[in-house]
């Protein structure tokens, strides 16, 4: 049977989308011009959150495989979709520029009509954070976390938190990586070079090195195991070799995702302070103070970021055995 023609409006469900803006100020007979902008901005955020969740699920499905083939398109797909997530998060930050064309007085025209609605009720964003690896025990303001959500949304978030998050899948992948523990005495040699490179004011980093990379290190608040951290640092140090290029891009994209999320939180915090000062949020949160706490604590890939503390100059890197260099290079006949 021949496929019927698809119409642009029908395909995009424009009748539903364009009629989904119902300002509270209009309902109450007190029209506030900027409420339309406020609604559209937040609807756009939720659509982008949906796309981010779609991308996270797709890369997690790949990383769940018992063995991700680094020489197949699989890892390239992960890198490509993580990079797309970075681009989307940059758009989320840029949308704040549009929101800030609304002045505090413009916002006050309709703010009190929204109670108790709040961006804190965005269950999609909470699910995104959980899927990436921000679990309940790592959150700031746990008393607010699910207090404003509907029961079915709470159940959905709790269900997601029972799944393996992306950072847990990343840990498994890094632990499976060959090379790093195959070179005799590599970590002893690297540790000596690193410690000798420290300035006198950095000598406490000796113990810090072992706390991160030694198998006997205490777990604490870490999300990556010592073996995974060794693999990640090895990737950073020797990323010039062809086989480590894609793994390095995975790590770099995750750092960029954390950075963009942090930038979004920072811009959001400053915007809230500009709009309502120190007043309580419409959903009952502490407004700017809550956002400041989340900004400081909600880094998901901090274990990767802190590895830069242990980098040394390229010229001081331990030389790898010839056979290892061959394996890290392009396959030759």
Protein backbone atom coordinates (compact mmCIF):
# COMPACT_ATOMS: atom_id res chain seq x y z
CA UNK A 1 0.00 0.00 0.00
CA UNK A 2 1.38 3.39 -0.99
CA UNK A 3 2.19 5.69 1.91
CA UNK A 4 -0.06 8.71 2.16
CA UNK A 5 1.59 12.12 2.03
CA UNK A 6 2.71 13.61 5.33
CA UNK A 7 1.78 17.21 6.06
CA UNK A 8 4.21 19.43 8.00
CA UNK A 9 1.60 20.53 10.56
CA UNK A 10 0.35 17.01 11.18
CA UNK A 11 3.84 15.54 11.44
CA UNK A 12 4.85 18.09 14.09
CA UNK A 13 1.50 18.01 15.89
CA UNK A 14 1.39 21.80 15.61
CA UNK A 15 -2.27 22.03 16.58
CA UNK A 16 -1.36 20.48 19.94
CA UNK A 17 1.90 22.36 20.41
CA UNK A 18 0.72 25.83 19.43
CA UNK A 19 -2.40 25.56 21.57
CA UNK A 20 -0.50 24.38 24.65
CA UNK A 21 0.18 27.89 26.02
CA UNK A 22 -2.57 28.83 28.49
CA UNK A 23 -1.40 31.78 30.60
CA UNK A 24 -2.83 31.87 34.12
CA UNK A 25 -3.01 35.67 33.89
CA UNK A 26 -5.40 35.39 30.94
CA UNK A 27 -7.61 32.93 32.84
CA UNK A 28 -7.86 35.41 35.72
CA UNK A 29 -8.61 38.34 33.43
CA UNK A 30 -5.32 40.09 34.29
CA UNK A 31 -3.22 39.56 31.14
CA UNK A 32 0.54 39.70 31.73
CA UNK A 33 2.40 40.01 28.44
CA UNK A 34 5.60 38.18 29.49
CA UNK A 35 3.85 35.06 30.77
CA UNK A 36 3.68 33.74 27.20
CA UNK A 37 7.48 33.97 26.94
CA UNK A 38 7.82 32.29 30.35
CA UNK A 39 5.66 29.35 29.25
CA UNK A 40 7.32 28.86 25.87
CA UNK A 41 10.83 28.97 27.35
CA UNK A 42 9.97 26.27 29.88
CA UNK A 43 8.16 24.14 27.32
CA UNK A 44 11.27 24.32 25.13
CA UNK A 45 13.38 23.25 28.12
CA UNK A 46 11.19 20.19 28.68
CA UNK A 47 11.41 19.22 25.00
CA UNK A 48 15.19 19.45 25.13
CA UNK A 49 15.19 17.41 28.37
CA UNK A 50 13.22 14.74 26.49
CA UNK A 51 15.87 14.68 23.75
CA UNK A 52 18.68 14.51 26.31
CA UNK A 53 16.99 11.52 27.96
CA UNK A 54 16.65 9.89 24.53
CA UNK A 55 20.39 10.31 23.92
CA UNK A 56 21.38 9.09 27.40
CA UNK A 57 19.29 5.95 26.98
CA UNK A 58 20.88 5.24 23.61
CA UNK A 59 24.49 5.57 24.80
CA UNK A 60 23.73 3.64 28.00
CA UNK A 61 22.36 0.77 25.88
CA UNK A 62 25.71 0.60 24.09
CA UNK A 63 27.77 0.85 27.28
CA UNK A 64 25.72 -1.93 28.90
CA UNK A 65 27.15 -4.46 26.46
CA UNK A 66 29.62 -6.88 28.06
CA UNK A 67 32.30 -5.68 25.64
CA UNK A 68 32.23 -2.41 23.73
CA UNK A 69 34.33 -2.83 20.59
CA UNK A 70 36.61 0.21 20.43
CA UNK A 71 37.40 -0.58 16.79
CA UNK A 72 33.75 -0.64 15.72
CA UNK A 73 31.26 2.20 15.09
CA UNK A 74 29.83 1.67 18.61
CA UNK A 75 32.27 3.93 20.45
CA UNK A 76 32.08 6.53 17.69
CA UNK A 77 28.30 6.54 18.17
CA UNK A 78 28.74 7.14 21.91
CA UNK A 79 31.12 10.04 21.25
CA UNK A 80 28.80 11.53 18.62
CA UNK A 81 25.72 11.43 20.86
CA UNK A 82 27.53 12.72 23.92
CA UNK A 83 28.78 15.60 21.77
CA UNK A 84 25.18 16.26 20.69
CA UNK A 85 24.19 16.41 24.36
CA UNK A 86 26.85 19.05 24.94
CA UNK A 87 25.43 21.13 22.08
CA UNK A 88 21.90 20.84 23.48
CA UNK A 89 23.06 21.90 26.95
CA UNK A 90 24.71 24.97 25.40
CA UNK A 91 21.32 25.88 23.91
CA UNK A 92 19.73 25.55 27.37
CA UNK A 93 22.26 28.04 28.71
CA UNK A 94 21.66 30.43 25.81
CA UNK A 95 17.89 30.36 26.39
CA UNK A 96 18.50 32.19 29.66
CA UNK A 97 19.51 35.23 27.57
CA UNK A 98 15.98 35.28 26.17
CA UNK A 99 14.42 34.79 29.61
CA UNK A 100 16.42 37.74 30.95
CA UNK A 101 14.69 40.10 28.53
CA UNK A 102 11.89 39.84 31.11
CA UNK A 103 12.40 42.33 33.94
CA UNK A 104 11.62 41.63 37.62
CA UNK A 105 8.51 43.82 37.41
CA UNK A 106 7.37 41.94 34.28
CA UNK A 107 7.70 38.69 36.26
CA UNK A 108 5.82 40.05 39.26
CA UNK A 109 2.84 40.71 36.98
CA UNK A 110 2.07 36.97 37.07
CA UNK A 111 4.46 35.29 39.54
CA UNK A 112 2.00 34.85 42.40
CA UNK A 113 -0.53 33.30 40.01
CA UNK A 114 1.82 30.31 39.50
CA UNK A 115 1.98 29.04 43.09
CA UNK A 116 2.86 26.34 43.97
CA UNK A 117 4.23 25.50 40.48
CA UNK A 118 8.02 25.56 40.29
CA UNK A 119 10.86 24.48 38.02
CA UNK A 120 11.77 22.26 40.97
CA UNK A 121 8.91 20.05 39.77
CA UNK A 122 10.69 19.20 36.51
CA UNK A 123 10.75 15.43 36.91
CA UNK A 124 12.43 15.01 33.53
CA UNK A 125 15.49 16.98 34.69
CA UNK A 126 15.72 14.92 37.88
CA UNK A 127 15.56 11.74 35.80
CA UNK A 128 18.29 13.07 33.50
CA UNK A 129 20.55 13.74 36.49
CA UNK A 130 19.81 10.27 37.91
CA UNK A 131 20.49 8.52 34.60
CA UNK A 132 23.84 10.29 34.32
CA UNK A 133 24.78 9.36 37.90
CA UNK A 134 23.49 11.92 40.39
CA UNK A 135 21.75 9.73 42.95
CA UNK A 136 19.75 10.76 46.02
CA UNK A 137 22.66 10.42 48.44
CA UNK A 138 24.72 12.90 46.42
CA UNK A 139 22.07 15.62 46.29
CA UNK A 140 21.91 18.95 48.03
CA UNK A 141 18.60 19.78 49.70
CA UNK A 142 17.35 16.21 49.88
CA UNK A 143 14.30 17.37 51.83
CA UNK A 144 13.09 19.22 48.72
CA UNK A 145 14.10 16.60 46.17
CA UNK A 146 10.76 14.86 45.62
CA UNK A 147 8.53 16.86 47.97
CA UNK A 148 6.81 18.80 45.19
CA UNK A 149 6.28 15.92 42.75
CA UNK A 150 3.23 13.82 42.03
CA UNK A 151 3.28 10.19 43.29
CA UNK A 152 3.69 8.68 39.81
CA UNK A 153 6.63 11.00 39.13
CA UNK A 154 8.28 10.02 42.42
CA UNK A 155 7.83 6.35 41.55
CA UNK A 156 9.37 6.89 38.13
CA UNK A 157 12.42 8.66 39.56
CA UNK A 158 12.92 5.97 42.20
CA UNK A 159 12.70 3.32 39.50
CA UNK A 160 15.40 5.09 37.46
CA UNK A 161 17.65 5.34 40.51
CA UNK A 162 17.57 1.55 40.81
CA UNK A 163 19.05 1.21 37.33
CA UNK A 164 22.76 1.36 36.57
CA UNK A 165 23.61 4.97 35.82
CA UNK A 166 25.86 6.09 32.99
CA UNK A 167 28.79 6.76 35.31
CA UNK A 168 28.49 3.21 36.69
CA UNK A 169 28.52 1.85 33.14
CA UNK A 170 31.51 4.08 32.41
CA UNK A 171 33.28 2.62 35.45
CA UNK A 172 32.69 -0.92 34.14
CA UNK A 173 33.98 0.05 30.69
CA UNK A 174 37.12 1.67 32.09
CA UNK A 175 37.81 -1.34 34.31
CA UNK A 176 37.63 -3.61 31.24
CA UNK A 177 40.14 -1.52 29.30
CA UNK A 178 43.38 -3.38 28.59
CA UNK A 179 46.89 -1.84 28.53
CA UNK A 180 47.02 0.11 31.77
CA UNK A 181 47.90 -2.74 34.15
CA UNK A 182 49.84 -4.74 31.55
CA UNK A 183 53.04 -2.66 31.60
CA UNK A 184 55.44 -3.89 34.28
CA UNK A 185 56.03 -1.35 37.04
CA UNK A 186 54.21 1.38 35.06
CA UNK A 187 52.34 2.81 38.05
CA UNK A 188 55.34 2.68 40.36
CA UNK A 189 57.41 4.52 37.74
CA UNK A 190 54.65 7.02 37.03
CA UNK A 191 54.07 7.66 40.72
CA UNK A 192 57.75 8.43 41.24
CA UNK A 193 57.87 10.81 38.27
CA UNK A 194 54.69 12.54 39.44
CA UNK A 195 55.83 12.97 43.04
CA UNK A 196 59.22 14.31 41.92
CA UNK A 197 57.39 16.90 39.79
CA UNK A 198 55.50 18.35 42.76
CA UNK A 199 56.35 21.70 44.27
CA UNK A 200 56.98 21.75 48.01
CA UNK A 201 53.52 23.21 48.61
CA UNK A 202 51.95 20.23 46.84
CA UNK A 203 53.55 17.44 48.86
CA UNK A 204 50.20 16.42 50.35
CA UNK A 205 49.35 15.16 46.85
CA UNK A 206 51.53 12.11 47.56
CA UNK A 207 48.85 10.60 49.78
CA UNK A 208 46.13 11.93 47.47
CA UNK A 209 47.67 9.97 44.58
CA UNK A 210 47.40 6.67 46.46
CA UNK A 211 43.88 7.51 47.67
CA UNK A 212 42.79 7.77 44.03
CA UNK A 213 44.75 5.02 42.28
CA UNK A 214 45.75 2.36 44.83
CA UNK A 215 43.51 -0.71 45.02
CA UNK A 216 43.68 -0.43 48.82
CA UNK A 217 42.22 3.10 48.79
CA UNK A 218 39.05 3.72 50.80
CA UNK A 219 35.89 4.14 48.72
CA UNK A 220 34.51 7.28 50.34
CA UNK A 221 32.40 9.49 48.05
CA UNK A 222 34.10 8.33 44.85
CA UNK A 223 32.11 7.04 41.87
CA UNK A 224 35.02 5.60 39.88
CA UNK A 225 37.09 2.72 41.25
CA UNK A 226 40.90 2.93 41.50
CA UNK A 227 41.24 0.66 38.46
CA UNK A 228 38.85 2.81 36.45
CA UNK A 229 40.77 5.93 37.50
CA UNK A 230 44.04 4.35 36.36
CA UNK A 231 42.50 3.60 32.98
CA UNK A 232 41.08 7.11 32.64
CA UNK A 233 44.41 8.73 33.50
CA UNK A 234 46.23 6.41 31.06
CA UNK A 235 43.79 7.52 28.33
CA UNK A 236 44.49 11.18 29.12
CA UNK A 237 48.25 10.68 29.16
CA UNK A 238 48.54 8.67 25.95
CA UNK A 239 45.58 10.01 23.98
CA UNK A 240 47.89 10.69 21.02
CA UNK A 241 47.78 7.00 20.15
CA UNK A 242 44.98 6.22 17.65
CA UNK A 243 43.16 3.60 19.71
CA UNK A 244 42.85 6.00 22.68
CA UNK A 245 41.45 8.94 20.71
CA UNK A 246 37.79 7.93 20.97
CA UNK A 247 38.05 6.94 24.66
CA UNK A 248 39.59 10.37 25.33
CA UNK A 249 36.70 12.06 23.53
CA UNK A 250 34.24 10.12 25.70
CA UNK A 251 35.92 11.45 28.84
CA UNK A 252 36.24 14.96 27.45
CA UNK A 253 32.55 15.09 26.47
CA UNK A 254 31.53 14.00 29.97
CA UNK A 255 33.60 16.81 31.47
CA UNK A 256 31.92 19.20 29.03
CA UNK A 257 28.47 17.91 30.04
CA UNK A 258 29.29 18.60 33.70
CA UNK A 259 30.61 22.04 32.78
CA UNK A 260 27.51 22.97 30.80
CA UNK A 261 25.19 21.71 33.56
CA UNK A 262 27.18 23.79 36.03
CA UNK A 263 27.02 26.84 33.76
CA UNK A 264 23.25 26.38 33.41
CA UNK A 265 22.84 26.19 37.19
CA UNK A 266 25.03 29.26 37.68
CA UNK A 267 23.12 31.33 35.12
CA UNK A 268 19.82 30.10 36.57
CA UNK A 269 20.93 31.03 40.08
CA UNK A 270 21.93 34.55 39.03
CA UNK A 271 18.72 35.01 37.07
CA UNK A 272 16.62 33.97 40.08
CA UNK A 273 18.55 36.37 42.32
CA UNK A 274 17.99 39.15 39.78
CA UNK A 275 14.27 38.39 39.51
CA UNK A 276 13.21 37.73 43.11
CA UNK A 277 16.23 38.60 45.26
CA UNK A 278 16.18 36.55 48.49
CA UNK A 279 12.47 35.68 48.37
CA UNK A 280 11.22 32.10 48.67
CA UNK A 281 10.62 30.27 45.38
CA UNK A 282 7.05 29.68 44.20
CA UNK A 283 7.45 25.98 45.01
CA UNK A 284 8.62 26.65 48.57
CA UNK A 285 12.38 26.18 48.06
CA UNK A 286 14.92 28.68 49.36
CA UNK A 287 15.34 30.09 45.87
CA UNK A 288 18.88 31.30 45.22
CA UNK A 289 20.33 29.54 48.30
CA UNK A 290 19.10 26.16 47.09
CA UNK A 291 20.46 26.78 43.58
CA UNK A 292 23.83 27.81 45.04
CA UNK A 293 24.03 24.57 47.05
CA UNK A 294 23.13 22.49 43.99
CA UNK A 295 25.73 24.34 41.91
CA UNK A 296 28.46 23.49 44.42
CA UNK A 297 27.52 19.84 44.95
CA UNK A 298 25.89 18.45 41.81
CA UNK A 299 28.99 17.58 39.78
CA UNK A 300 28.49 14.12 38.33
CA UNK A 301 31.86 13.46 36.70
CA UNK A 302 34.07 15.10 39.33
CA UNK A 303 36.22 11.94 39.60
CA UNK A 304 37.29 12.45 35.99
CA UNK A 305 37.90 16.17 36.46
CA UNK A 306 40.23 15.68 39.43
CA UNK A 307 42.49 13.40 37.39
CA UNK A 308 44.00 16.48 35.78
CA UNK A 309 45.75 17.02 39.13
CA UNK A 310 47.92 14.00 38.28
CA UNK A 311 49.04 14.86 34.75
CA UNK A 312 52.71 15.44 33.96
CA UNK A 313 54.51 16.94 30.97
CA UNK A 314 54.57 14.80 27.84
CA UNK A 315 58.37 14.80 27.76
CA UNK A 316 58.40 13.07 31.16
CA UNK A 317 55.95 10.29 30.28
CA UNK A 318 57.28 6.75 30.81
CA UNK A 319 58.17 5.13 27.50
CA UNK A 320 55.85 2.26 26.58
CA UNK A 321 57.14 -1.10 25.38
CA UNK A 322 57.32 -1.48 21.58
CA UNK A 323 54.62 -4.18 21.58
CA UNK A 324 52.29 -1.92 23.56
CA UNK A 325 52.91 0.96 21.13
CA UNK A 326 52.06 -1.35 18.25
CA UNK A 327 48.76 -2.33 19.86
CA UNK A 328 47.88 1.31 20.54
CA UNK A 329 48.55 2.30 16.94
CA UNK A 330 46.80 1.55 13.69
CA UNK A 331 46.66 -2.12 12.73
CA UNK A 332 49.42 -2.87 10.23
CA UNK A 333 49.63 -5.82 7.88
